[in-house]
Every structure is written in structure tokens, then in C-alpha cells.
C-alpha atoms as a PDB file:
ATOM      1  CA  MET A   1       7.785   5.194  12.351  1.00  0.00           C
ATOM      2  CA  ALA A   2       5.126   2.516  12.293  1.00  0.00           C
ATOM      3  CA  LYS A   3       3.867   1.368  15.635  1.00  0.00           C
ATOM      4  CA  LYS A   4       4.926  -2.044  16.778  1.00  0.00           C
ATOM      5  CA  ARG A   5       2.034  -4.464  17.197  1.00  0.00           C
ATOM      6  CA  ARG A   6       1.465  -5.414  20.788  1.00  0.00           C
ATOM      7  CA  PRO A   7       2.033  -9.154  21.185  1.00  0.00           C
ATOM      8  CA  GLN A   8      -1.115 -11.101  21.915  1.00  0.00           C
ATOM      9  CA  SER A   9      -1.343 -12.208  25.520  1.00  0.00           C
ATOM     10  CA  GLN A  10      -1.277 -15.875  26.362  1.00  0.00           C
ATOM     11  CA  ALA A  11      -4.837 -15.627  27.678  1.00  0.00           C
ATOM     12  CA  ALA A  12      -6.031 -14.486  24.253  1.00  0.00           C
ATOM     13  CA  LYS A  13      -4.679 -17.536  22.457  1.00  0.00           C
ATOM     14  CA  PRO A  14      -6.860 -20.626  22.128  1.00  0.00           C
ATOM     15  CA  GLN A  15      -5.061 -23.413  23.919  1.00  0.00           C
ATOM     16  CA  ALA A  16      -4.554 -26.791  22.261  1.00  0.00           C
ATOM     17  CA  GLY A  17      -5.767 -29.707  24.304  1.00  0.00           C
ATOM     18  CA  ASP A  18      -8.476 -27.743  26.131  1.00  0.00           C
ATOM     19  CA  ALA A  19     -11.910 -29.274  26.719  1.00  0.00           C
ATOM     20  CA  PRO A  20     -14.188 -29.264  23.632  1.00  0.00           C
ATOM     21  CA  ILE A  21     -15.353 -25.782  22.720  1.00  0.00           C
ATOM     22  CA  PRO A  22     -19.135 -25.418  22.283  1.00  0.00           C
ATOM     23  CA  VAL A  23     -20.450 -24.274  18.904  1.00  0.00           C
ATOM     24  CA  VAL A  24     -21.916 -20.750  18.970  1.00  0.00           C
ATOM     25  CA  GLY A  25     -22.911 -18.122  16.404  1.00  0.00           C
ATOM     26  CA  ALA A  26     -20.157 -16.970  14.053  1.00  0.00           C
ATOM     27  CA  ARG A  27     -20.181 -13.403  15.445  1.00  0.00           C
ATOM     28  CA  GLU A  28     -20.475 -14.341  19.108  1.00  0.00           C
ATOM     29  CA  PRO A  29     -17.433 -14.304  21.441  1.00  0.00           C
ATOM     30  CA  CYS A  30     -15.568 -17.603  21.306  1.00  0.00           C
ATOM     31  CA  PRO A  31     -16.342 -19.700  24.416  1.00  0.00           C
ATOM     32  CA  CYS A  32     -12.612 -20.393  24.851  1.00  0.00           C
ATOM     33  CA  GLY A  33     -12.188 -16.904  26.314  1.00  0.00           C
ATOM     34  CA  SER A  34      -9.840 -15.526  23.658  1.00  0.00           C
ATOM     35  CA  GLY A  35     -11.924 -12.377  23.247  1.00  0.00           C
ATOM     36  CA  ARG A  36     -12.249 -12.956  19.534  1.00  0.00           C
ATOM     37  CA  ARG A  37     -15.359 -13.819  17.569  1.00  0.00           C
ATOM     38  CA  TYR A  38     -16.028 -17.523  17.193  1.00  0.00           C
ATOM     39  CA  LYS A  39     -15.583 -17.458  13.391  1.00  0.00           C
ATOM     40  CA  ALA A  40     -12.064 -16.034  13.804  1.00  0.00           C
ATOM     41  CA  CYS A  41     -11.094 -18.427  16.583  1.00  0.00           C
ATOM     42  CA  HIS A  42     -12.251 -22.008  17.161  1.00  0.00           C
ATOM     43  CA  GLY A  43     -14.944 -21.596  14.530  1.00  0.00           C
ATOM     44  CA  ARG A  44     -12.228 -21.399  11.865  1.00  0.00           C
ATOM     45  CA  ALA A  45     -10.949 -24.884  12.680  1.00  0.00           C
ATOM     46  CA  ALA A  46     -14.502 -26.192  12.962  1.00  0.00           C
ATOM     47  CA  SER A  47     -15.359 -24.874   9.500  1.00  0.00           C
ATOM     48  CA  HIS A  48     -12.248 -26.451   8.003  1.00  0.00           C
ATOM     49  CA  ALA A  49     -13.227 -29.764   9.569  1.00  0.00           C
ATOM     50  CA  ALA A  50     -16.803 -29.571   8.268  1.00  0.00           C
ATOM     51  CA  VAL A  51     -18.101 -32.505   6.292  1.00  0.00           C
ATOM     52  CA  GLU A  52     -18.218 -31.944   2.532  1.00  0.00           C
ATOM     53  CA  LEU A  53     -21.616 -30.641   1.430  1.00  0.00           C
ATOM     54  CA  VAL A  54     -24.124 -33.440   0.794  1.00  0.00           C
ATOM     55  CA  GLN A  55     -26.313 -32.240  -2.069  1.00  0.00           C
ATOM     56  CA  ARG A  56     -29.301 -34.473  -1.258  1.00  0.00           C
ATOM     57  CA  PRO A  57     -29.206 -35.047   2.515  1.00  0.00           C
ATOM     58  CA  PHE A  58     -32.724 -36.548   2.625  1.00  0.00           C
ATOM     59  CA  GLU A  59     -32.265 -38.971  -0.275  1.00  0.00           C
ATOM     60  CA  GLY A  60     -33.456 -42.433   0.681  1.00  0.00           C
ATOM     61  CA  LEU A  61     -35.877 -41.205   3.342  1.00  0.00           C
ATOM     62  CA  PRO A  62     -39.639 -41.603   2.838  1.00  0.00           C
ATOM     63  CA  GLY A  63     -41.043 -38.269   1.665  1.00  0.00           C
ATOM     64  CA  GLU A  64     -37.745 -36.719   0.542  1.00  0.00           C
ATOM     65  CA  ALA A  65     -39.583 -33.902  -1.246  1.00  0.00           C
ATOM     66  CA  ASP A  66     -41.629 -33.099   1.863  1.00  0.00           C
ATOM     67  CA  TRP A  67     -38.458 -33.057   3.999  1.00  0.00           C
ATOM     68  CA  VAL A  68     -37.128 -30.356   1.651  1.00  0.00           C
ATOM     69  CA  ALA A  69     -40.414 -28.443   1.754  1.00  0.00           C
ATOM     70  CA  LEU A  70     -40.523 -28.467   5.554  1.00  0.00           C
ATOM     71  CA  ARG A  71     -36.901 -27.341   5.706  1.00  0.00           C
ATOM     72  CA  GLU A  72     -37.280 -24.448   3.239  1.00  0.00           C
ATOM     73  CA  LEU A  73     -40.932 -23.526   2.606  1.00  0.00           C
ATOM     74  CA  VAL A  74     -43.322 -24.338   5.434  1.00  0.00           C
ATOM     75  CA  PRO A  75     -43.501 -22.170   8.571  1.00  0.00           C
ATOM     76  CA  ALA A  76     -45.297 -24.505  10.969  1.00  0.00           C
ATOM     77  CA  ALA A  77     -45.572 -28.274  10.556  1.00  0.00           C
ATOM     78  CA  THR A  78     -44.880 -31.495  12.423  1.00  0.00           C
ATOM     79  CA  VAL A  79     -44.406 -35.134  11.420  1.00  0.00           C
ATOM     80  CA  GLU A  80     -44.434 -38.260  13.568  1.00  0.00           C
ATOM     81  CA  LEU A  81     -41.129 -40.118  13.130  1.00  0.00           C
ATOM     82  CA  LYS A  82     -40.684 -43.849  13.562  1.00  0.00           C
ATOM     83  CA  LEU A  83     -37.321 -45.179  14.712  1.00  0.00           C
ATOM     84  CA  LYS A  84     -35.710 -48.443  13.674  1.00  0.00           C
ATOM     85  CA  GLY A  85     -36.334 -50.910  16.461  1.00  0.00           C
ATOM     86  CA  GLY A  86     -39.056 -48.750  17.997  1.00  0.00           C
ATOM     87  CA  LEU A  87     -38.970 -45.986  20.594  1.00  0.00           C
ATOM     88  CA  PRO A  88     -36.694 -46.240  23.652  1.00  0.00           C
ATOM     89  CA  GLU A  89     -38.287 -46.718  27.051  1.00  0.00           C
ATOM     90  CA  GLY A  90     -39.579 -43.439  28.431  1.00  0.00           C
ATOM     91  CA  VAL A  91     -39.934 -41.781  25.014  1.00  0.00           C
ATOM     92  CA  PRO A  92     -43.636 -41.791  24.067  1.00  0.00           C
ATOM     93  CA  SER A  93     -43.107 -40.104  20.683  1.00  0.00           C
ATOM     94  CA  VAL A  94     -40.614 -38.421  18.381  1.00  0.00           C
ATOM     95  CA  ARG A  95     -41.851 -35.615  16.151  1.00  0.00           C
ATOM     96  CA  LEU A  96     -40.077 -33.569  13.525  1.00  0.00           C
ATOM     97  CA  ALA A  97     -40.954 -29.851  13.740  1.00  0.00           C
ATOM     98  CA  THR A  98     -40.165 -27.101  11.285  1.00  0.00           C
ATOM     99  CA  VAL A  99     -38.924 -24.780  14.028  1.00  0.00           C
ATOM    100  CA  LEU A 100     -38.778 -24.768  17.827  1.00  0.00           C
ATOM    101  CA  PRO A 101     -38.776 -21.970  20.440  1.00  0.00           C
ATOM    102  CA  MET A 102     -35.478 -20.103  20.732  1.00  0.00           C
ATOM    103  CA  ALA A 103     -34.360 -21.925  17.553  1.00  0.00           C
ATOM    104  CA  TRP A 104     -33.465 -24.959  19.680  1.00  0.00           C
ATOM    105  CA  PRO A 105     -32.191 -27.868  17.567  1.00  0.00           C
ATOM    106  CA  ALA A 106     -34.357 -30.239  19.630  1.00  0.00           C
ATOM    107  CA  LEU A 107     -36.313 -30.476  22.856  1.00  0.00           C
ATOM    108  CA  ARG A 108     -36.889 -33.356  25.289  1.00  0.00           C
ATOM    109  CA  ARG A 109     -40.244 -32.392  26.725  1.00  0.00           C
ATOM    110  CA  ASP A 110     -41.366 -32.906  30.320  1.00  0.00           C
ATOM    111  CA  ASP A 111     -43.326 -36.018  29.343  1.00  0.00           C
ATOM    112  CA  GLY A 112     -40.222 -37.550  27.727  1.00  0.00           C
ATOM    113  CA  SER A 113     -41.326 -36.985  24.123  1.00  0.00           C
ATOM    114  CA  VAL A 114     -38.878 -35.478  21.628  1.00  0.00           C
ATOM    115  CA  LEU A 115     -39.313 -32.576  19.199  1.00  0.00           C
ATOM    116  CA  LEU A 116     -36.579 -32.378  16.531  1.00  0.00           C
ATOM    117  CA  GLY A 117     -36.196 -28.981  14.832  1.00  0.00           C
ATOM    118  CA  LEU A 118     -35.513 -28.906  11.087  1.00  0.00           C
ATOM    119  CA  GLN A 119     -35.010 -25.228  10.215  1.00  0.00           C
ATOM    120  CA  ASN A 120     -31.747 -24.634  12.079  1.00  0.00           C
ATOM    121  CA  ASP A 121     -28.178 -23.796  11.149  1.00  0.00           C
ATOM    122  CA  THR A 122     -26.096 -26.964  11.297  1.00  0.00           C
ATOM    123  CA  PRO A 123     -22.364 -27.392  11.992  1.00  0.00           C
ATOM    124  CA  THR A 124     -21.418 -29.531   8.972  1.00  0.00           C
ATOM    125  CA  GLY A 125     -22.280 -29.968   5.320  1.00  0.00           C
ATOM    126  CA  ASP A 126     -24.325 -33.117   5.955  1.00  0.00           C
ATOM    127  CA  LEU A 127     -27.709 -32.056   7.258  1.00  0.00           C
ATOM    128  CA  SER A 128     -28.825 -35.660   7.713  1.00  0.00           C
ATOM    129  CA  ARG A 129     -25.862 -36.470   9.974  1.00  0.00           C
ATOM    130  CA  ASP A 130     -26.330 -33.273  11.970  1.00  0.00           C
ATOM    131  CA  LEU A 131     -30.004 -34.023  12.583  1.00  0.00           C
ATOM    132  CA  ALA A 132     -29.239 -37.617  13.531  1.00  0.00           C
ATOM    133  CA  ASP A 133     -26.684 -36.439  16.098  1.00  0.00           C
ATOM    134  CA  THR A 134     -29.209 -33.988  17.562  1.00  0.00           C
ATOM    135  CA  LEU A 135     -31.866 -36.697  17.698  1.00  0.00           C
ATOM    136  CA  GLN A 136     -29.583 -39.112  19.528  1.00  0.00           C
ATOM    137  CA  ARG A 137     -28.662 -36.488  22.116  1.00  0.00           C
ATOM    138  CA  ALA A 138     -32.343 -35.620  22.596  1.00  0.00           C
ATOM    139  CA  LEU A 139     -33.222 -39.274  23.200  1.00  0.00           C
ATOM    140  CA  ASP A 140     -30.499 -39.461  25.884  1.00  0.00           C
ATOM    141  CA  ALA A 141     -31.357 -36.121  27.537  1.00  0.00           C
ATOM    142  CA  GLU A 142     -33.310 -35.673  30.739  1.00  0.00           C
ATOM    143  CA  PRO A 143     -36.989 -34.728  30.293  1.00  0.00           C
ATOM    144  CA  GLY A 144     -37.515 -30.969  30.200  1.00  0.00           C
ATOM    145  CA  THR A 145     -34.167 -30.326  28.486  1.00  0.00           C
ATOM    146  CA  PRO A 146     -33.551 -28.230  25.359  1.00  0.00           C
ATOM    147  CA  ILE A 147     -30.745 -29.551  23.131  1.00  0.00           C
ATOM    148  CA  GLU A 148     -27.929 -27.214  22.101  1.00  0.00           C
ATOM    149  CA  THR A 149     -25.907 -27.145  18.881  1.00  0.00           C
ATOM    150  CA  THR A 150     -22.587 -28.960  19.157  1.00  0.00           C
ATOM    151  CA  ARG A 151     -19.868 -30.458  17.002  1.00  0.00           C
ATOM    152  CA  VAL A 152     -20.805 -33.591  15.122  1.00  0.00           C
ATOM    153  CA  ASN A 153     -18.785 -36.768  14.739  1.00  0.00           C
ATOM    154  CA  ALA A 154     -18.053 -37.114  11.022  1.00  0.00           C
ATOM    155  CA  ASP A 155     -18.405 -40.894  11.375  1.00  0.00           C
ATOM    156  CA  GLY A 156     -21.704 -40.755  13.225  1.00  0.00           C
ATOM    157  CA  PRO A 157     -25.005 -42.137  11.926  1.00  0.00           C
ATOM    158  CA  ARG A 158     -27.330 -40.326   9.547  1.00  0.00           C
ATOM    159  CA  LEU A 159     -31.115 -40.100   9.656  1.00  0.00           C
ATOM    160  CA  GLN A 160     -31.200 -42.931   7.122  1.00  0.00           C
ATOM    161  CA  ASP A 161     -29.551 -45.132   9.794  1.00  0.00           C
ATOM    162  CA  LEU A 162     -31.909 -44.188  12.636  1.00  0.00           C
ATOM    163  CA  LEU A 163     -35.371 -43.845  11.082  1.00  0.00           C
ATOM    164  CA  ASP A 164     -37.755 -46.563   9.957  1.00  0.00           C
ATOM    165  CA  LEU A 165     -37.541 -46.294   6.158  1.00  0.00           C
ATOM    166  CA  GLU A 166     -40.701 -48.322   5.590  1.00  0.00           C
ATOM    167  CA  GLY A 167     -43.138 -46.015   7.354  1.00  0.00           C
ATOM    168  CA  PRO A 168     -44.998 -43.131   5.706  1.00  0.00           C
ATOM    169  CA  PHE A 169     -43.954 -39.483   6.026  1.00  0.00           C
ATOM    170  CA  GLU A 170     -47.159 -37.498   6.587  1.00  0.00           C
ATOM    171  CA  PRO A 171     -46.680 -33.811   7.446  1.00  0.00           C
ATOM    172  CA  ALA A 172     -49.332 -32.018   9.459  1.00  0.00           C
ATOM    173  CA  VAL A 173     -49.274 -28.348   8.474  1.00  0.00           C
ATOM    174  CA  HIS A 174     -50.396 -26.017  11.276  1.00  0.00           C
ATOM    175  CA  THR A 175     -51.740 -22.482  11.236  1.00  0.00           C
ATOM    176  CA  GLY A 176     -49.484 -21.580  14.156  1.00  0.00           C
ATOM    177  CA  PHE A 177     -46.962 -22.866  16.676  1.00  0.00           C
ATOM    178  CA  GLU A 178     -49.289 -24.099  19.428  1.00  0.00           C
ATOM    179  CA  PHE A 179     -47.572 -27.489  19.118  1.00  0.00           C
ATOM    180  CA  TRP A 180     -44.692 -25.968  21.060  1.00  0.00           C
ATOM    181  CA  VAL A 181     -46.587 -26.275  24.347  1.00  0.00           C
ATOM    182  CA  ASP A 182     -49.247 -28.414  25.992  1.00  0.00           C
ATOM    183  CA  ASN A 183     -52.633 -26.738  26.520  1.00  0.00           C
ATOM    184  CA  ALA A 184     -51.688 -23.756  24.396  1.00  0.00           C
ATOM    185  CA  GLU A 185     -55.077 -22.145  25.005  1.00  0.00           C
ATOM    186  CA  ASN A 186     -54.196 -21.769  28.685  1.00  0.00           C
ATOM    187  CA  VAL A 187     -50.702 -20.258  28.424  1.00  0.00           C
ATOM    188  CA  THR A 188     -50.154 -16.727  29.700  1.00  0.00           C
ATOM    189  CA  GLY A 189     -47.433 -14.122  30.096  1.00  0.00           C
ATOM    190  CA  GLU A 190     -44.236 -14.265  28.037  1.00  0.00           C
ATOM    191  CA  VAL A 191     -45.040 -17.713  26.634  1.00  0.00           C
ATOM    192  CA  ALA A 192     -48.341 -16.427  25.268  1.00  0.00           C
ATOM    193  CA  ALA A 193     -46.650 -13.312  23.882  1.00  0.00           C
ATOM    194  CA  SER A 194     -43.956 -15.392  22.207  1.00  0.00           C
ATOM    195  CA  LEU A 195     -46.571 -17.633  20.602  1.00  0.00           C
ATOM    196  CA  GLU A 196     -48.516 -14.607  19.398  1.00  0.00           C
ATOM    197  CA  ARG A 197     -45.413 -13.099  17.754  1.00  0.00           C
ATOM    198  CA  ALA A 198     -44.478 -16.372  16.069  1.00  0.00           C
ATOM    199  CA  ASN A 199     -48.000 -16.956  14.801  1.00  0.00           C
ATOM    200  CA  ALA A 200     -48.232 -13.438  13.414  1.00  0.00           C
ATOM    201  CA  ALA A 201     -45.101 -14.016  11.307  1.00  0.00           C
ATOM    202  CA  ALA A 202     -46.238 -17.364   9.884  1.00  0.00           C
ATOM    203  CA  ILE A 203     -47.302 -17.313   6.224  1.00  0.00           C
ATOM    204  CA  PRO A 204     -50.576 -19.245   5.756  1.00  0.00           C
ATOM    205  CA  THR A 205     -49.615 -22.507   4.033  1.00  0.00           C
ATOM    206  CA  VAL A 206     -51.554 -25.577   2.880  1.00  0.00           C
ATOM    207  CA  ARG A 207     -50.243 -28.901   1.545  1.00  0.00           C
ATOM    208  CA  LEU A 208     -52.243 -30.077  -1.473  1.00  0.00           C
ATOM    209  CA  ALA A 209     -53.929 -33.437  -0.972  1.00  0.00           C
ATOM    210  CA  GLY A 210     -53.974 -34.703  -4.570  1.00  0.00           C
ATOM    211  CA  VAL A 211     -50.276 -34.482  -5.491  1.00  0.00           C
ATOM    212  CA  ASP A 212     -47.009 -34.978  -3.629  1.00  0.00           C
ATOM    213  CA  ALA A 213     -45.109 -32.152  -1.906  1.00  0.00           C
ATOM    214  CA  ALA A 214     -47.025 -29.213  -3.418  1.00  0.00           C
ATOM    215  CA  TYR A 215     -47.642 -26.314  -1.025  1.00  0.00           C
ATOM    216  CA  TRP A 216     -49.969 -23.359  -1.517  1.00  0.00           C
ATOM    217  CA  CYS A 217     -49.142 -20.211   0.419  1.00  0.00           C
ATOM    218  CA  GLU A 218     -50.762 -16.814   0.845  1.00  0.00           C
ATOM    219  CA  THR A 219     -48.879 -13.515   0.749  1.00  0.00           C
ATOM    220  CA  PRO A 220     -50.216  -9.940   0.807  1.00  0.00           C
ATOM    221  CA  GLU A 221     -49.725  -9.284  -2.929  1.00  0.00           C
ATOM    222  CA  LYS A 222     -50.377 -12.703  -4.502  1.00  0.00           C
ATOM    223  CA  ASN A 223     -50.522 -16.356  -3.641  1.00  0.00           C
ATOM    224  CA  HIS A 224     -48.075 -19.044  -4.777  1.00  0.00           C
ATOM    225  CA  LEU A 225     -47.805 -22.758  -5.366  1.00  0.00           C
ATOM    226  CA  ARG A 226     -44.356 -24.229  -4.703  1.00  0.00           C
ATOM    227  CA  TRP A 227     -44.011 -27.849  -5.713  1.00  0.00           C
ATOM    228  CA  VAL A 228     -40.945 -29.883  -4.709  1.00  0.00           C
ATOM    229  CA  MET A 229     -40.184 -32.557  -7.336  1.00  0.00           C
ATOM    230  CA  THR A 230     -37.782 -35.484  -7.238  1.00  0.00           C
ATOM    231  CA  HIS A 231     -37.363 -35.942 -11.023  1.00  0.00           C
ATOM    232  CA  PRO A 232     -33.789 -35.542 -12.345  1.00  0.00           C
ATOM    233  CA  GLU A 233     -33.243 -31.822 -12.854  1.00  0.00           C
ATOM    234  CA  GLU A 234     -32.273 -31.820 -16.543  1.00  0.00           C
ATOM    235  CA  GLN A 235     -35.137 -34.127 -17.473  1.00  0.00           C
ATOM    236  CA  LEU A 236     -37.598 -32.044 -15.447  1.00  0.00           C
ATOM    237  CA  LEU A 237     -36.471 -28.755 -16.995  1.00  0.00           C
ATOM    238  CA  ASP A 238     -36.845 -30.220 -20.477  1.00  0.00           C
ATOM    239  CA  ALA A 239     -40.361 -31.381 -19.620  1.00  0.00           C
ATOM    240  CA  LEU A 240     -41.328 -28.012 -18.148  1.00  0.00           C
ATOM    241  CA  ALA A 241     -39.937 -26.312 -21.266  1.00  0.00           C
ATOM    242  CA  ARG A 242     -42.059 -28.542 -23.530  1.00  0.00           C
ATOM    243  CA  LEU A 243     -45.188 -27.704 -21.558  1.00  0.00           C
ATOM    244  CA  HIS A 244     -44.324 -24.007 -21.324  1.00  0.00           C
ATOM    245  CA  ALA A 245     -43.811 -23.747 -25.094  1.00  0.00           C
ATOM    246  CA  ALA A 246     -47.156 -25.518 -25.608  1.00  0.00           C
ATOM    247  CA  ARG A 247     -48.818 -23.138 -23.101  1.00  0.00           C
ATOM    248  CA  GLU A 248     -49.752 -26.045 -20.873  1.00  0.00           C
ATOM    249  CA  THR A 249     -48.213 -24.972 -17.556  1.00  0.00           C
ATOM    250  CA  SER A 250     -51.222 -22.999 -16.339  1.00  0.00           C
ATOM    251  CA  LEU A 251     -53.082 -24.000 -13.198  1.00  0.00           C
ATOM    252  CA  GLY A 252     -56.088 -21.895 -14.117  1.00  0.00           C
ATOM    253  CA  GLU A 253     -56.993 -18.367 -15.141  1.00  0.00           C
ATOM    254  CA  GLY A 254     -54.461 -15.788 -13.995  1.00  0.00           C
ATOM    255  CA  THR A 255     -51.890 -18.369 -12.859  1.00  0.00           C
ATOM    256  CA  ARG A 256     -48.359 -18.458 -14.218  1.00  0.00           C
ATOM    257  CA  LEU A 257     -45.283 -20.676 -13.915  1.00  0.00           C
ATOM    258  CA  VAL A 258     -42.632 -18.102 -13.038  1.00  0.00           C
ATOM    259  CA  GLY A 259     -39.549 -20.294 -12.644  1.00  0.00           C
ATOM    260  CA  SER A 260     -37.984 -22.678 -10.175  1.00  0.00           C
ATOM    261  CA  PHE A 261     -35.294 -22.958  -7.534  1.00  0.00           C
ATOM    262  CA  ARG A 262     -33.036 -25.727  -6.253  1.00  0.00           C
ATOM    263  CA  ALA A 263     -33.072 -26.875  -2.667  1.00  0.00           C
ATOM    264  CA  HIS A 264     -31.144 -29.827  -1.216  1.00  0.00           C
ATOM    265  CA  GLY A 265     -30.637 -31.355  -4.638  1.00  0.00           C
ATOM    266  CA  LEU A 266     -34.270 -31.097  -5.770  1.00  0.00           C
ATOM    267  CA  THR A 267     -36.019 -28.716  -8.171  1.00  0.00           C
ATOM    268  CA  VAL A 268     -38.977 -26.639  -6.985  1.00  0.00           C
ATOM    269  CA  PRO A 269     -41.179 -25.088  -9.720  1.00  0.00           C
ATOM    270  CA  VAL A 270     -43.104 -22.002  -8.565  1.00  0.00           C
ATOM    271  CA  TRP A 271     -46.415 -20.614  -9.798  1.00  0.00           C
ATOM    272  CA  ASP A 272     -47.860 -17.175  -9.129  1.00  0.00           C
ATOM    273  CA  LEU A 273     -51.570 -17.310  -8.311  1.00  0.00           C
ATOM    274  CA  PRO A 274     -54.150 -14.529  -8.023  1.00  0.00           C
ATOM    275  CA  GLY A 275     -54.950 -13.576  -4.442  1.00  0.00           C
ATOM    276  CA  SER A 276     -58.439 -14.988  -4.852  1.00  0.00           C
ATOM    277  CA  VAL A 277     -57.148 -18.498  -5.655  1.00  0.00           C
ATOM    278  CA  ARG A 278     -57.195 -20.721  -2.598  1.00  0.00           C
ATOM    279  CA  ALA A 279     -55.521 -24.079  -2.049  1.00  0.00           C
ATOM    280  CA  GLU A 280     -58.672 -26.024  -2.867  1.00  0.00           C
ATOM    281  CA  ASP A 281     -58.954 -24.153  -6.174  1.00  0.00           C
ATOM    282  CA  VAL A 282     -55.692 -25.617  -7.490  1.00  0.00           C
ATOM    283  CA  GLU A 283     -56.217 -29.220  -6.394  1.00  0.00           C
ATOM    284  CA  LYS A 284     -57.763 -30.374  -9.689  1.00  0.00           C
ATOM    285  CA  PRO A 285     -55.555 -28.185 -11.933  1.00  0.00           C
ATOM    286  CA  ALA A 286     -52.445 -29.486 -10.139  1.00  0.00           C
ATOM    287  CA  ALA A 287     -53.517 -33.103 -10.613  1.00  0.00           C
ATOM    288  CA  ALA A 288     -54.161 -32.424 -14.314  1.00  0.00           C
ATOM    289  CA  PHE A 289     -50.753 -30.751 -14.619  1.00  0.00           C
ATOM    290  CA  ALA A 290     -49.105 -33.786 -13.021  1.00  0.00           C
ATOM    291  CA  GLU A 291     -50.564 -35.931 -15.814  1.00  0.00           C
ATOM    292  CA  ARG A 292     -49.312 -33.555 -18.508  1.00  0.00           C
ATOM    293  CA  LEU A 293     -45.898 -33.480 -16.840  1.00  0.00           C
ATOM    294  CA  ALA A 294     -45.696 -37.283 -16.833  1.00  0.00           C
ATOM    295  CA  GLY A 295     -46.255 -37.272 -20.603  1.00  0.00           C
ATOM    296  CA  ALA A 296     -43.624 -34.567 -21.136  1.00  0.00           C
ATOM    297  CA  LEU A 297     -41.124 -36.448 -18.966  1.00  0.00           C
ATOM    298  CA  ALA A 298     -41.575 -39.516 -21.159  1.00  0.00           C
ATOM    299  CA  ASP A 299     -40.829 -37.525 -24.351  1.00  0.00           C
ATOM    300  CA  THR A 300     -37.181 -38.064 -25.319  1.00  0.00           C
ATOM    301  CA  ALA A 301     -37.223 -36.151 -28.637  1.00  0.00           C
ATOM    302  CA  PRO A 302     -34.781 -33.231 -28.962  1.00  0.00           C
ATOM    303  CA  LEU A 303     -36.220 -29.873 -27.898  1.00  0.00           C
ATOM    304  CA  THR A 304     -37.536 -27.660 -30.656  1.00  0.00           C
ATOM    305  CA  PRO A 305     -36.144 -24.123 -31.021  1.00  0.00           C
ATOM    306  CA  GLU A 306     -39.215 -22.731 -29.229  1.00  0.00           C
ATOM    307  CA  GLU A 307     -38.818 -25.273 -26.433  1.00  0.00           C
ATOM    308  CA  ARG A 308     -35.126 -24.416 -26.075  1.00  0.00           C
ATOM    309  CA  ARG A 309     -36.053 -20.741 -25.711  1.00  0.00           C
ATOM    310  CA  ALA A 310     -38.627 -21.668 -23.093  1.00  0.00           C
ATOM    311  CA  ARG A 311     -36.021 -23.720 -21.230  1.00  0.00           C
ATOM    312  CA  GLY A 312     -33.566 -20.830 -21.328  1.00  0.00           C
ATOM    313  CA  GLY A 313     -36.194 -18.552 -19.806  1.00  0.00           C
ATOM    314  CA  LEU A 314     -36.866 -21.012 -17.004  1.00  0.00           C
ATOM    315  CA  THR A 315     -33.206 -21.610 -16.161  1.00  0.00           C
ATOM    316  CA  SER A 316     -32.337 -17.903 -16.287  1.00  0.00           C
ATOM    317  CA  ARG A 317     -34.653 -17.360 -13.332  1.00  0.00           C
ATOM    318  CA  GLN A 318     -33.494 -20.376 -11.353  1.00  0.00           C
ATOM    319  CA  VAL A 319     -31.788 -19.868  -8.007  1.00  0.00           C
ATOM    320  CA  THR A 320     -30.204 -22.251  -5.503  1.00  0.00           C
ATOM    321  CA  LEU A 321     -31.096 -22.060  -1.799  1.00  0.00           C
ATOM    322  CA  ASN A 322     -28.313 -24.304  -0.501  1.00  0.00           C
END
């Protein structure tokens, strides 16, 4: 005879009308005390209530392509952000950061300044709204306070509503994470050890100066150039196919366009580079490629059979990150 299932106790059932339940990791115990994992308890309702995925969350912001690069490609970088109407009293600066200690979504530092983390899991499908909510809570927090992940009001503002859309977006790429702390050269103990571990894991990365949103990076086997582009995807793939068929995608001897991926609604072509090729070595070739690409983008003639084959090869290797 099959065993009867023991009825779940009242204490194990999430109670309707309780205080808001904090957002935690999917596999962590639910904060409501049910004893179940968050994803099987209050996380289930939170996921059902999530905002529909916004394909291009940074569209309309200055530097959309660089926002995508800092979210997906760059280990350590910061950007000064300007707010509409200026900074609130007591907030000397607001900076976007690729990642923060302990994966905090944001940090109100002791001096009142704000660091907003970009490379974090977010509770809804609208990354712009999630970041705007985190930014608002950081601006209201007491100095010296890290900001936790929480549920987001689906009707709340987006970054496009909070940031000055006229100002430039100028990433500063760092070799390490010393921007986490003041006087990093003087830190000791666990803070110093944490910085050392984070810096050791960071892939050396450089933003090219002559073209927009192109990032060179160094890996043990070979180097790469990953270039975030805002052109419409179908038009861009046609243009890349034209250049590939004409053998005009090279950035120099030993370099090769190996494909592309999608990230936050934008296409990111990727080149393999020999290990000896540094960022400064591809500045001029990248600028020359940008000119060739502009010509190919303007070509509206149907693709030739060879160009169609080249396009098929490019799309067969394309992946989507989000």
C-alpha cells in the first residue's frame, strides 16, 4: 500500500498578506520560513510577475553599445553618470561600475557617493528599470550602506528617466578593482586579499580609442577584439557577409573574423588575434574596417551566392547571451 503523504504544516506554507519577502538566490531558503527553496516558494510568484523581457534595455541612453560591453565583456570599468536635474545634496558623484564587492547591486559610500553595479542578476526582464530602482534606493540610503536586491515596481522609472541623456558616456577601463576602496595601496588584511583575488581573475581589456565600443582583450591562448555595434542586425550581417566574401574583414596578418553574438539587442562581431597583437596594433586596422563596413552597409544589392554562403557561415556561429 502506498504511503500517505504527510500534510504540510501550517508553518511551512507561505502566508498571504505577510510583509514583503526579500529577493534571494533561487536555491537559497525562502525568507518566509517555509523551509523550501526560494524558487519553489515566493520566487515562483515573483518570476510570474516579472516584467516581459526588454530586448534593448539601454536603447536611448548615450553610449548604448558601451553599456552592453560593460555589462557583458569588460571586467573592470567605471563611468561617471549625470542625473537629470543634477546630483542630490550630499551625493558628490554617481558612478556606474561593472561589478562591486560581494556582487552588491549598489553601494552608498562613506563620503555619500554612489557606485551602481551593472553585472548583477536582476529581478525582472527590464534591466533598465531594475538599475533605476537600485540607483534610487542608493541615493536615499545612509552613507556606508550596501544596497540589496529587492522586488521592483513594474511602473517605476527607467534609467532613461533618471539620467541626463545629453551628456557623454565615457568608460574608464581599469586593470583591476582598486576603485572599490579609497587609498587602495594602503588596504590590508581580508580587503587586500579580496582585491588580489579579484584582480587575478580579471582579463586584461582595453577600449580602442579610434572607433566606438570596440574592446581588445588578452587570453592565454589568443587575443580577441569584440566590437559592439548598433546597426540593425540583418543589415549588419549582410554587410559583414559582403566583406567576408571579398576577404576584407581582416584586421591584419593572422587575424580572423570568427563570428558574432547578440547581447541586449545588439550584435557583437568577434575577431581572433594572434597573442602578439596588442590593442594599439589594431587601432588603425579597426578604423579602416569601419570605413569598409560603412560602404558595405550602404550597398542594397541582393547578396551574391558567395555572399549568401558567407552569411550562412556567420549566422551558424552566432549565439545569444540574453
